[in-house]
C-alpha atoms as a PDB file:
ATOM      1  CA  UNK A   1       0.303  -0.148  -0.008  1.00  0.00           C
ATOM      2  CA  UNK A   2       1.339   3.339  -0.828  1.00  0.00           C
ATOM      3  CA  UNK A   3      -0.163   7.105  -0.258  1.00  0.00           C
ATOM      4  CA  UNK A   4      -0.240   8.499  -3.625  1.00  0.00           C
ATOM      5  CA  UNK A   5      -2.495  11.975  -2.156  1.00  0.00           C
ATOM      6  CA  UNK A   6      -1.892  13.915  -0.116  1.00  0.00           C
ATOM      7  CA  UNK A   7       1.491  14.254  -1.944  1.00  0.00           C
ATOM      8  CA  UNK A   8       4.434  14.237   0.797  1.00  0.00           C
ATOM      9  CA  UNK A   9       8.089  13.754   0.367  1.00  0.00           C
ATOM     10  CA  UNK A  10       8.083   9.645   1.419  1.00  0.00           C
ATOM     11  CA  UNK A  11       4.902   9.130  -0.830  1.00  0.00           C
ATOM     12  CA  UNK A  12       6.614   7.021  -4.055  1.00  0.00           C
ATOM     13  CA  UNK A  13       9.990   5.912  -1.648  1.00  0.00           C
ATOM     14  CA  UNK A  14       9.838   2.421  -0.647  1.00  0.00           C
ATOM     15  CA  UNK A  15       8.981   1.173   3.082  1.00  0.00           C
ATOM     16  CA  UNK A  16      11.039   2.857   5.669  1.00  0.00           C
ATOM     17  CA  UNK A  17       8.963   1.349   8.555  1.00  0.00           C
ATOM     18  CA  UNK A  18       7.574   4.380   9.483  1.00  0.00           C
ATOM     19  CA  UNK A  19       4.701   6.225   9.878  1.00  0.00           C
ATOM     20  CA  UNK A  20       1.273   5.433   7.882  1.00  0.00           C
ATOM     21  CA  UNK A  21       2.243   6.546   4.321  1.00  0.00           C
ATOM     22  CA  UNK A  22       5.801   5.985   4.279  1.00  0.00           C
ATOM     23  CA  UNK A  23       5.824   3.823   1.138  1.00  0.00           C
ATOM     24  CA  UNK A  24       4.634   0.833  -0.661  1.00  0.00           C
ATOM     25  CA  UNK A  25       5.368  -2.518  -0.264  1.00  0.00           C
ATOM     26  CA  UNK A  26       3.705  -3.657   2.782  1.00  0.00           C
ATOM     27  CA  UNK A  27       0.297  -4.275   4.050  1.00  0.00           C
ATOM     28  CA  UNK A  28      -0.760  -1.499   6.245  1.00  0.00           C
ATOM     29  CA  UNK A  29      -2.341  -1.872  10.207  1.00  0.00           C
ATOM     30  CA  UNK A  30      -5.952  -1.656  11.047  1.00  0.00           C
ATOM     31  CA  UNK A  31      -4.626   0.852  13.187  1.00  0.00           C
ATOM     32  CA  UNK A  32      -3.044   2.789  10.071  1.00  0.00           C
ATOM     33  CA  UNK A  33      -6.350   2.502   8.173  1.00  0.00           C
ATOM     34  CA  UNK A  34      -8.453   3.643  10.892  1.00  0.00           C
ATOM     35  CA  UNK A  35      -6.098   6.737  11.090  1.00  0.00           C
ATOM     36  CA  UNK A  36      -6.369   7.249   7.114  1.00  0.00           C
ATOM     37  CA  UNK A  37     -10.110   7.209   7.454  1.00  0.00           C
ATOM     38  CA  UNK A  38     -10.932   8.823  10.550  1.00  0.00           C
ATOM     39  CA  UNK A  39     -13.901  11.017  10.862  1.00  0.00           C
ATOM     40  CA  UNK A  40     -13.818  14.528  11.333  1.00  0.00           C
ATOM     41  CA  UNK A  41     -13.274  15.621  15.404  1.00  0.00           C
ATOM     42  CA  UNK A  42     -16.006  16.827  17.005  1.00  0.00           C
ATOM     43  CA  UNK A  43     -16.407  20.739  17.226  1.00  0.00           C
ATOM     44  CA  UNK A  44     -17.268  22.968  20.208  1.00  0.00           C
ATOM     45  CA  UNK A  45     -21.013  22.541  20.390  1.00  0.00           C
ATOM     46  CA  UNK A  46     -20.674  18.661  20.111  1.00  0.00           C
ATOM     47  CA  UNK A  47     -20.583  16.066  17.066  1.00  0.00           C
ATOM     48  CA  UNK A  48     -22.189  16.757  14.221  1.00  0.00           C
ATOM     49  CA  UNK A  49     -23.899  13.808  11.706  1.00  0.00           C
ATOM     50  CA  UNK A  50     -21.474  13.248   9.223  1.00  0.00           C
ATOM     51  CA  UNK A  51     -23.020  10.507   6.679  1.00  0.00           C
ATOM     52  CA  UNK A  52     -19.944   8.698   4.208  1.00  0.00           C
ATOM     53  CA  UNK A  53     -20.450   6.416   1.623  1.00  0.00           C
ATOM     54  CA  UNK A  54     -18.308   3.631   0.576  1.00  0.00           C
ATOM     55  CA  UNK A  55     -18.252   1.985  -2.853  1.00  0.00           C
ATOM     56  CA  UNK A  56     -16.487   0.636  -5.505  1.00  0.00           C
ATOM     57  CA  UNK A  57     -16.344   0.646  -9.299  1.00  0.00           C
ATOM     58  CA  UNK A  58     -15.046  -0.778 -12.366  1.00  0.00           C
ATOM     59  CA  UNK A  59     -12.902   1.492 -14.838  1.00  0.00           C
ATOM     60  CA  UNK A  60     -16.166   1.168 -16.801  1.00  0.00           C
ATOM     61  CA  UNK A  61     -18.513   2.524 -14.286  1.00  0.00           C
ATOM     62  CA  UNK A  62     -20.185  -0.950 -12.679  1.00  0.00           C
ATOM     63  CA  UNK A  63     -20.462  -1.087  -9.247  1.00  0.00           C
ATOM     64  CA  UNK A  64     -21.863  -4.575  -9.403  1.00  0.00           C
ATOM     65  CA  UNK A  65     -21.065  -7.932 -11.536  1.00  0.00           C
ATOM     66  CA  UNK A  66     -23.686 -10.522 -11.620  1.00  0.00           C
ATOM     67  CA  UNK A  67     -25.817  -8.691  -9.060  1.00  0.00           C
ATOM     68  CA  UNK A  68     -22.799  -8.339  -6.249  1.00  0.00           C
ATOM     69  CA  UNK A  69     -19.974  -6.018  -5.429  1.00  0.00           C
ATOM     70  CA  UNK A  70     -17.640  -8.700  -4.300  1.00  0.00           C
ATOM     71  CA  UNK A  71     -16.309 -10.094  -7.816  1.00  0.00           C
ATOM     72  CA  UNK A  72     -14.838  -6.131  -8.195  1.00  0.00           C
ATOM     73  CA  UNK A  73     -13.505  -6.053  -4.898  1.00  0.00           C
ATOM     74  CA  UNK A  74     -10.069  -6.853  -3.730  1.00  0.00           C
ATOM     75  CA  UNK A  75      -9.349  -8.269   0.345  1.00  0.00           C
ATOM     76  CA  UNK A  76      -7.546  -4.148   1.009  1.00  0.00           C
ATOM     77  CA  UNK A  77     -10.678  -3.308  -0.239  1.00  0.00           C
ATOM     78  CA  UNK A  78     -12.650  -5.910   1.864  1.00  0.00           C
ATOM     79  CA  UNK A  79      -9.843  -4.834   5.130  1.00  0.00           C
ATOM     80  CA  UNK A  80     -10.826  -1.018   3.970  1.00  0.00           C
ATOM     81  CA  UNK A  81     -14.391  -2.149   4.104  1.00  0.00           C
ATOM     82  CA  UNK A  82     -14.520  -3.618   7.839  1.00  0.00           C
ATOM     83  CA  UNK A  83     -12.851  -0.680   8.891  1.00  0.00           C
ATOM     84  CA  UNK A  84     -15.202   1.570   7.969  1.00  0.00           C
ATOM     85  CA  UNK A  85     -17.513  -0.638   9.272  1.00  0.00           C
ATOM     86  CA  UNK A  86     -15.488  -0.245  13.007  1.00  0.00           C
ATOM     87  CA  UNK A  87     -15.359   2.968  12.959  1.00  0.00           C
ATOM     88  CA  UNK A  88     -19.079   3.974  12.191  1.00  0.00           C
ATOM     89  CA  UNK A  89     -22.023   4.352  14.780  1.00  0.00           C
ATOM     90  CA  UNK A  90     -24.863   2.873  12.200  1.00  0.00           C
ATOM     91  CA  UNK A  91     -24.738   1.508   8.677  1.00  0.00           C
ATOM     92  CA  UNK A  92     -27.110   2.748   6.538  1.00  0.00           C
ATOM     93  CA  UNK A  93     -28.320   0.481   3.721  1.00  0.00           C
ATOM     94  CA  UNK A  94     -31.008   0.090   1.519  1.00  0.00           C
ATOM     95  CA  UNK A  95     -33.602  -3.126   1.551  1.00  0.00           C
ATOM     96  CA  UNK A  96     -32.750  -4.382  -1.938  1.00  0.00           C
ATOM     97  CA  UNK A  97     -28.961  -4.663  -1.243  1.00  0.00           C
ATOM     98  CA  UNK A  98     -29.921  -6.140   2.110  1.00  0.00           C
ATOM     99  CA  UNK A  99     -32.018  -8.796  -0.470  1.00  0.00           C
ATOM    100  CA  UNK A 100     -29.289  -9.231  -3.112  1.00  0.00           C
ATOM    101  CA  UNK A 101     -25.856  -9.230  -0.956  1.00  0.00           C
ATOM    102  CA  UNK A 102     -27.018 -11.221   2.328  1.00  0.00           C
ATOM    103  CA  UNK A 103     -26.502  -9.093   4.989  1.00  0.00           C
ATOM    104  CA  UNK A 104     -25.757 -10.100   8.218  1.00  0.00           C
ATOM    105  CA  UNK A 105     -25.403  -8.115  12.001  1.00  0.00           C
ATOM    106  CA  UNK A 106     -21.997  -5.989  12.153  1.00  0.00           C
ATOM    107  CA  UNK A 107     -20.020  -8.008  14.308  1.00  0.00           C
ATOM    108  CA  UNK A 108     -17.609  -6.872  17.242  1.00  0.00           C
ATOM    109  CA  UNK A 109     -14.057  -6.736  16.599  1.00  0.00           C
ATOM    110  CA  UNK A 110     -11.736  -7.531  19.134  1.00  0.00           C
ATOM    111  CA  UNK A 111      -9.023  -5.180  17.283  1.00  0.00           C
ATOM    112  CA  UNK A 112     -11.326  -2.266  17.453  1.00  0.00           C
ATOM    113  CA  UNK A 113     -12.559  -2.815  20.798  1.00  0.00           C
ATOM    114  CA  UNK A 114     -10.614  -0.238  23.009  1.00  0.00           C
ATOM    115  CA  UNK A 115     -11.040   2.578  20.424  1.00  0.00           C
ATOM    116  CA  UNK A 116     -14.521   2.325  20.075  1.00  0.00           C
ATOM    117  CA  UNK A 117     -15.211   1.980  23.759  1.00  0.00           C
ATOM    118  CA  UNK A 118     -12.854   5.235  23.967  1.00  0.00           C
ATOM    119  CA  UNK A 119     -15.502   7.224  21.913  1.00  0.00           C
ATOM    120  CA  UNK A 120     -18.189   5.883  23.490  1.00  0.00           C
ATOM    121  CA  UNK A 121     -19.612   3.455  21.175  1.00  0.00           C
ATOM    122  CA  UNK A 122     -21.055   0.181  21.436  1.00  0.00           C
ATOM    123  CA  UNK A 123     -19.397  -3.134  20.382  1.00  0.00           C
ATOM    124  CA  UNK A 124     -19.983  -2.741  16.793  1.00  0.00           C
ATOM    125  CA  UNK A 125     -22.205  -0.332  14.992  1.00  0.00           C
ATOM    126  CA  UNK A 126     -25.791  -0.694  14.230  1.00  0.00           C
ATOM    127  CA  UNK A 127     -27.399  -1.500  10.441  1.00  0.00           C
ATOM    128  CA  UNK A 128     -30.661   0.448   9.752  1.00  0.00           C
ATOM    129  CA  UNK A 129     -32.324  -0.795   6.799  1.00  0.00           C
ATOM    130  CA  UNK A 130     -33.680   2.285   4.664  1.00  0.00           C
ATOM    131  CA  UNK A 131     -37.289   0.437   3.418  1.00  0.00           C
ATOM    132  CA  UNK A 132     -40.924   1.722   1.971  1.00  0.00           C
ATOM    133  CA  UNK A 133     -42.512  -1.503   1.906  1.00  0.00           C
ATOM    134  CA  UNK A 134     -40.781  -3.067   4.989  1.00  0.00           C
ATOM    135  CA  UNK A 135     -40.604  -6.434   2.583  1.00  0.00           C
ATOM    136  CA  UNK A 136     -38.274  -8.056   4.403  1.00  0.00           C
ATOM    137  CA  UNK A 137     -37.347 -11.267   5.873  1.00  0.00           C
ATOM    138  CA  UNK A 138     -37.404 -10.975   9.398  1.00  0.00           C
ATOM    139  CA  UNK A 139     -36.390 -14.187  10.536  1.00  0.00           C
ATOM    140  CA  UNK A 140     -32.787 -13.875   8.536  1.00  0.00           C
ATOM    141  CA  UNK A 141     -29.727 -13.180  11.635  1.00  0.00           C
ATOM    142  CA  UNK A 142     -30.065  -9.383  10.919  1.00  0.00           C
ATOM    143  CA  UNK A 143     -32.999  -9.243  12.700  1.00  0.00           C
ATOM    144  CA  UNK A 144     -32.659 -12.255  15.218  1.00  0.00           C
ATOM    145  CA  UNK A 145     -29.032 -12.002  16.275  1.00  0.00           C
ATOM    146  CA  UNK A 146     -27.308  -8.799  15.912  1.00  0.00           C
ATOM    147  CA  UNK A 147     -25.365  -7.800  18.750  1.00  0.00           C
ATOM    148  CA  UNK A 148     -27.263  -4.060  18.397  1.00  0.00           C
ATOM    149  CA  UNK A 149     -31.190  -4.261  17.372  1.00  0.00           C
ATOM    150  CA  UNK A 150     -31.488  -3.195  13.690  1.00  0.00           C
ATOM    151  CA  UNK A 151     -32.629  -0.519  12.833  1.00  0.00           C
ATOM    152  CA  UNK A 152     -35.478  -0.164  10.348  1.00  0.00           C
ATOM    153  CA  UNK A 153     -36.025   3.532   8.519  1.00  0.00           C
ATOM    154  CA  UNK A 154     -39.494   4.125   6.809  1.00  0.00           C
ATOM    155  CA  UNK A 155     -42.089   6.376   6.112  1.00  0.00           C
ATOM    156  CA  UNK A 156     -45.211   7.274   8.417  1.00  0.00           C
ATOM    157  CA  UNK A 157     -47.703   5.573   5.878  1.00  0.00           C
ATOM    158  CA  UNK A 158     -45.594   2.064   6.061  1.00  0.00           C
ATOM    159  CA  UNK A 159     -48.391  -0.817   6.897  1.00  0.00           C
ATOM    160  CA  UNK A 160     -48.929  -1.552  10.309  1.00  0.00           C
ATOM    161  CA  UNK A 161     -48.718  -5.165  10.003  1.00  0.00           C
ATOM    162  CA  UNK A 162     -45.114  -4.931   8.618  1.00  0.00           C
ATOM    163  CA  UNK A 163     -44.193  -2.353  11.238  1.00  0.00           C
ATOM    164  CA  UNK A 164     -45.574  -4.846  14.031  1.00  0.00           C
ATOM    165  CA  UNK A 165     -43.986  -7.845  12.185  1.00  0.00           C
ATOM    166  CA  UNK A 166     -40.221  -5.884  12.302  1.00  0.00           C
ATOM    167  CA  UNK A 167     -40.499  -5.012  16.410  1.00  0.00           C
ATOM    168  CA  UNK A 168     -41.871  -8.719  17.169  1.00  0.00           C
ATOM    169  CA  UNK A 169     -38.590  -9.711  15.642  1.00  0.00           C
ATOM    170  CA  UNK A 170     -36.518  -7.484  17.851  1.00  0.00           C
ATOM    171  CA  UNK A 171     -36.097  -4.460  14.864  1.00  0.00           C
ATOM    172  CA  UNK A 172     -36.701  -0.770  15.977  1.00  0.00           C
ATOM    173  CA  UNK A 173     -38.363   0.989  13.271  1.00  0.00           C
ATOM    174  CA  UNK A 174     -37.834   4.929  13.391  1.00  0.00           C
ATOM    175  CA  UNK A 175     -39.900   7.308  11.122  1.00  0.00           C
ATOM    176  CA  UNK A 176     -38.108   9.116   8.640  1.00  0.00           C
ATOM    177  CA  UNK A 177     -40.819  10.467   6.251  1.00  0.00           C
ATOM    178  CA  UNK A 178     -44.626  12.067   5.719  1.00  0.00           C
ATOM    179  CA  UNK A 179     -45.428   9.520   3.307  1.00  0.00           C
ATOM    180  CA  UNK A 180     -44.553   5.970   2.395  1.00  0.00           C
ATOM    181  CA  UNK A 181     -41.009   6.598   1.532  1.00  0.00           C
ATOM    182  CA  UNK A 182     -37.456   8.561   3.427  1.00  0.00           C
ATOM    183  CA  UNK A 183     -36.322  11.565   3.838  1.00  0.00           C
ATOM    184  CA  UNK A 184     -33.101  11.174   3.423  1.00  0.00           C
ATOM    185  CA  UNK A 185     -32.634  14.628   5.637  1.00  0.00           C
ATOM    186  CA  UNK A 186     -34.822  13.480   8.345  1.00  0.00           C
ATOM    187  CA  UNK A 187     -33.082  10.088   8.179  1.00  0.00           C
ATOM    188  CA  UNK A 188     -29.944  11.878   9.122  1.00  0.00           C
ATOM    189  CA  UNK A 189     -31.745  13.558  11.292  1.00  0.00           C
ATOM    190  CA  UNK A 190     -33.512  10.767  13.372  1.00  0.00           C
ATOM    191  CA  UNK A 191     -30.170   8.746  13.618  1.00  0.00           C
ATOM    192  CA  UNK A 192     -28.460  11.911  15.042  1.00  0.00           C
ATOM    193  CA  UNK A 193     -31.292  11.975  17.612  1.00  0.00           C
ATOM    194  CA  UNK A 194     -30.583   8.101  18.263  1.00  0.00           C
ATOM    195  CA  UNK A 195     -26.464   9.172  18.813  1.00  0.00           C
ATOM    196  CA  UNK A 196     -25.854   7.891  15.630  1.00  0.00           C
ATOM    197  CA  UNK A 197     -23.506  11.000  14.094  1.00  0.00           C
ATOM    198  CA  UNK A 198     -21.020   8.842  12.323  1.00  0.00           C
ATOM    199  CA  UNK A 199     -22.760   7.287   9.507  1.00  0.00           C
ATOM    200  CA  UNK A 200     -21.725   5.049   6.913  1.00  0.00           C
ATOM    201  CA  UNK A 201     -23.521   4.161   4.173  1.00  0.00           C
ATOM    202  CA  UNK A 202     -23.126   0.918   1.775  1.00  0.00           C
ATOM    203  CA  UNK A 203     -25.880   1.855  -1.180  1.00  0.00           C
ATOM    204  CA  UNK A 204     -26.978   0.334  -3.008  1.00  0.00           C
ATOM    205  CA  UNK A 205     -26.991   2.852  -5.438  1.00  0.00           C
ATOM    206  CA  UNK A 206     -30.377   3.813  -5.546  1.00  0.00           C
ATOM    207  CA  UNK A 207     -30.124   4.855  -1.945  1.00  0.00           C
ATOM    208  CA  UNK A 208     -26.825   6.236  -2.418  1.00  0.00           C
ATOM    209  CA  UNK A 209     -28.690   8.532  -5.650  1.00  0.00           C
ATOM    210  CA  UNK A 210     -31.613   9.644  -3.291  1.00  0.00           C
ATOM    211  CA  UNK A 211     -28.870  11.004  -0.416  1.00  0.00           C
ATOM    212  CA  UNK A 212     -26.891  12.587  -3.659  1.00  0.00           C
ATOM    213  CA  UNK A 213     -30.071  13.855  -4.862  1.00  0.00           C
ATOM    214  CA  UNK A 214     -30.964  15.012  -1.264  1.00  0.00           C
ATOM    215  CA  UNK A 215     -27.822  16.603  -0.912  1.00  0.00           C
ATOM    216  CA  UNK A 216     -26.801  14.875   2.287  1.00  0.00           C
ATOM    217  CA  UNK A 217     -23.434  13.420   1.697  1.00  0.00           C
ATOM    218  CA  UNK A 218     -20.401  14.449   3.042  1.00  0.00           C
ATOM    219  CA  UNK A 219     -17.769  12.032   1.827  1.00  0.00           C
ATOM    220  CA  UNK A 220     -17.195   9.235  -0.735  1.00  0.00           C
ATOM    221  CA  UNK A 221     -14.982   6.542  -0.227  1.00  0.00           C
ATOM    222  CA  UNK A 222     -14.782   5.403  -3.549  1.00  0.00           C
ATOM    223  CA  UNK A 223     -12.353   2.005  -4.469  1.00  0.00           C
ATOM    224  CA  UNK A 224     -11.794   1.991  -8.228  1.00  0.00           C
ATOM    225  CA  UNK A 225     -11.248  -1.359  -9.604  1.00  0.00           C
ATOM    226  CA  UNK A 226      -8.668  -2.373 -11.874  1.00  0.00           C
ATOM    227  CA  UNK A 227     -11.314  -4.207 -13.960  1.00  0.00           C
ATOM    228  CA  UNK A 228     -13.797  -3.814 -17.074  1.00  0.00           C
ATOM    229  CA  UNK A 229     -16.977  -5.841 -16.905  1.00  0.00           C
ATOM    230  CA  UNK A 230     -19.040  -4.201 -19.936  1.00  0.00           C
ATOM    231  CA  UNK A 231     -22.707  -5.222 -19.615  1.00  0.00           C
ATOM    232  CA  UNK A 232     -25.408  -2.912 -18.417  1.00  0.00           C
ATOM    233  CA  UNK A 233     -24.115  -3.307 -14.632  1.00  0.00           C
ATOM    234  CA  UNK A 234     -25.622  -0.017 -12.368  1.00  0.00           C
ATOM    235  CA  UNK A 235     -23.290   3.015 -11.776  1.00  0.00           C
ATOM    236  CA  UNK A 236     -22.673   3.297  -7.916  1.00  0.00           C
ATOM    237  CA  UNK A 237     -25.401   5.827  -8.045  1.00  0.00           C
ATOM    238  CA  UNK A 238     -28.793   5.804  -9.840  1.00  0.00           C
ATOM    239  CA  UNK A 239     -32.006   7.317 -10.222  1.00  0.00           C
ATOM    240  CA  UNK A 240     -32.743  11.212 -11.550  1.00  0.00           C
ATOM    241  CA  UNK A 241     -29.822  13.346 -12.332  1.00  0.00           C
ATOM    242  CA  UNK A 242     -29.152  16.634 -10.090  1.00  0.00           C
ATOM    243  CA  UNK A 243     -29.935  19.714 -11.048  1.00  0.00           C
ATOM    244  CA  UNK A 244     -26.619  20.840 -10.997  1.00  0.00           C
ATOM    245  CA  UNK A 245     -23.661  18.704 -10.783  1.00  0.00           C
ATOM    246  CA  UNK A 246     -22.034  18.606  -7.099  1.00  0.00           C
ATOM    247  CA  UNK A 247     -18.078  19.386  -6.784  1.00  0.00           C
ATOM    248  CA  UNK A 248     -16.533  17.104  -4.238  1.00  0.00           C
ATOM    249  CA  UNK A 249     -12.505  18.052  -3.421  1.00  0.00           C
ATOM    250  CA  UNK A 250     -10.209  14.875  -3.306  1.00  0.00           C
ATOM    251  CA  UNK A 251      -9.430  14.105   0.174  1.00  0.00           C
ATOM    252  CA  UNK A 252      -6.802  11.182   0.109  1.00  0.00           C
ATOM    253  CA  UNK A 253      -5.866   8.570  -2.392  1.00  0.00           C
ATOM    254  CA  UNK A 254      -4.271   5.093  -1.619  1.00  0.00           C
ATOM    255  CA  UNK A 255      -3.287   2.383  -4.155  1.00  0.00           C
ATOM    256  CA  UNK A 256      -2.500  -1.005  -4.449  1.00  0.00           C
ATOM    257  CA  UNK A 257      -2.094  -3.804  -6.945  1.00  0.00           C
ATOM    258  CA  UNK A 258      -3.897  -1.269  -9.402  1.00  0.00           C
ATOM    259  CA  UNK A 259      -6.892  -0.333  -6.998  1.00  0.00           C
ATOM    260  CA  UNK A 260      -7.078   3.188  -6.081  1.00  0.00           C
ATOM    261  CA  UNK A 261      -8.831   4.073  -2.129  1.00  0.00           C
ATOM    262  CA  UNK A 262      -9.799   7.422  -2.520  1.00  0.00           C
ATOM    263  CA  UNK A 263     -11.961   9.758  -0.348  1.00  0.00           C
ATOM    264  CA  UNK A 264     -13.638  13.188  -1.562  1.00  0.00           C
ATOM    265  CA  UNK A 265     -15.275  15.387   0.762  1.00  0.00           C
ATOM    266  CA  UNK A 266     -18.275  18.143  -0.102  1.00  0.00           C
ATOM    267  CA  UNK A 267     -16.183  21.149  -1.619  1.00  0.00           C
END
């Protein structure tokens, strides 16, 4: 792993065994990855919600292959995936992604236990599923055996029987919209109201598109995979286009085996 940006005197140097980013040729520790992806420090008024997305895309823009992101990922991408989860209070994910990817509860990581405790976090982040219909299999481990109760973000018009089924399964239903769907801005505020200010979304593309359109995304952690897939796979964000393209600034870029691990923040 090597750091390409921000540029330092050691960016392209061989490994010197020093501070994070000193050079290529070695696997970064989880502590180094955590430092590289740390959330912004809380201001004098206390922590504000910060929503980051973590996605992977091929060179030709595909966010999936055969409906899943795993085939275009890498070992290091998955280590970063796990690190971002370990830093988060809650992972926000769309219902379709839960169904396609077979989502399970976030697990406690011994390597991050001390850091999470010092940050006032529980042993693992909660999973928050965004769903208008609540058409979910509540017998899955995501609902029956999480370390912390799974949240479901939905609208006020959600079917009462589905809400009851979710709550019976142990999930906590959070209303974040006046109709049948979820208002992204209200979802962010509702999660912050529960004490979840370090927010992470892993998509899918439809949910990320809604967050982008609502202007609530603060940061994008994008892995650029050195692969070409062609086909008609979704991009990382879908749905209606925004009126004016939103400009983000490059915060950092790491590289390993041709994969680029980038962070972009709101300009």
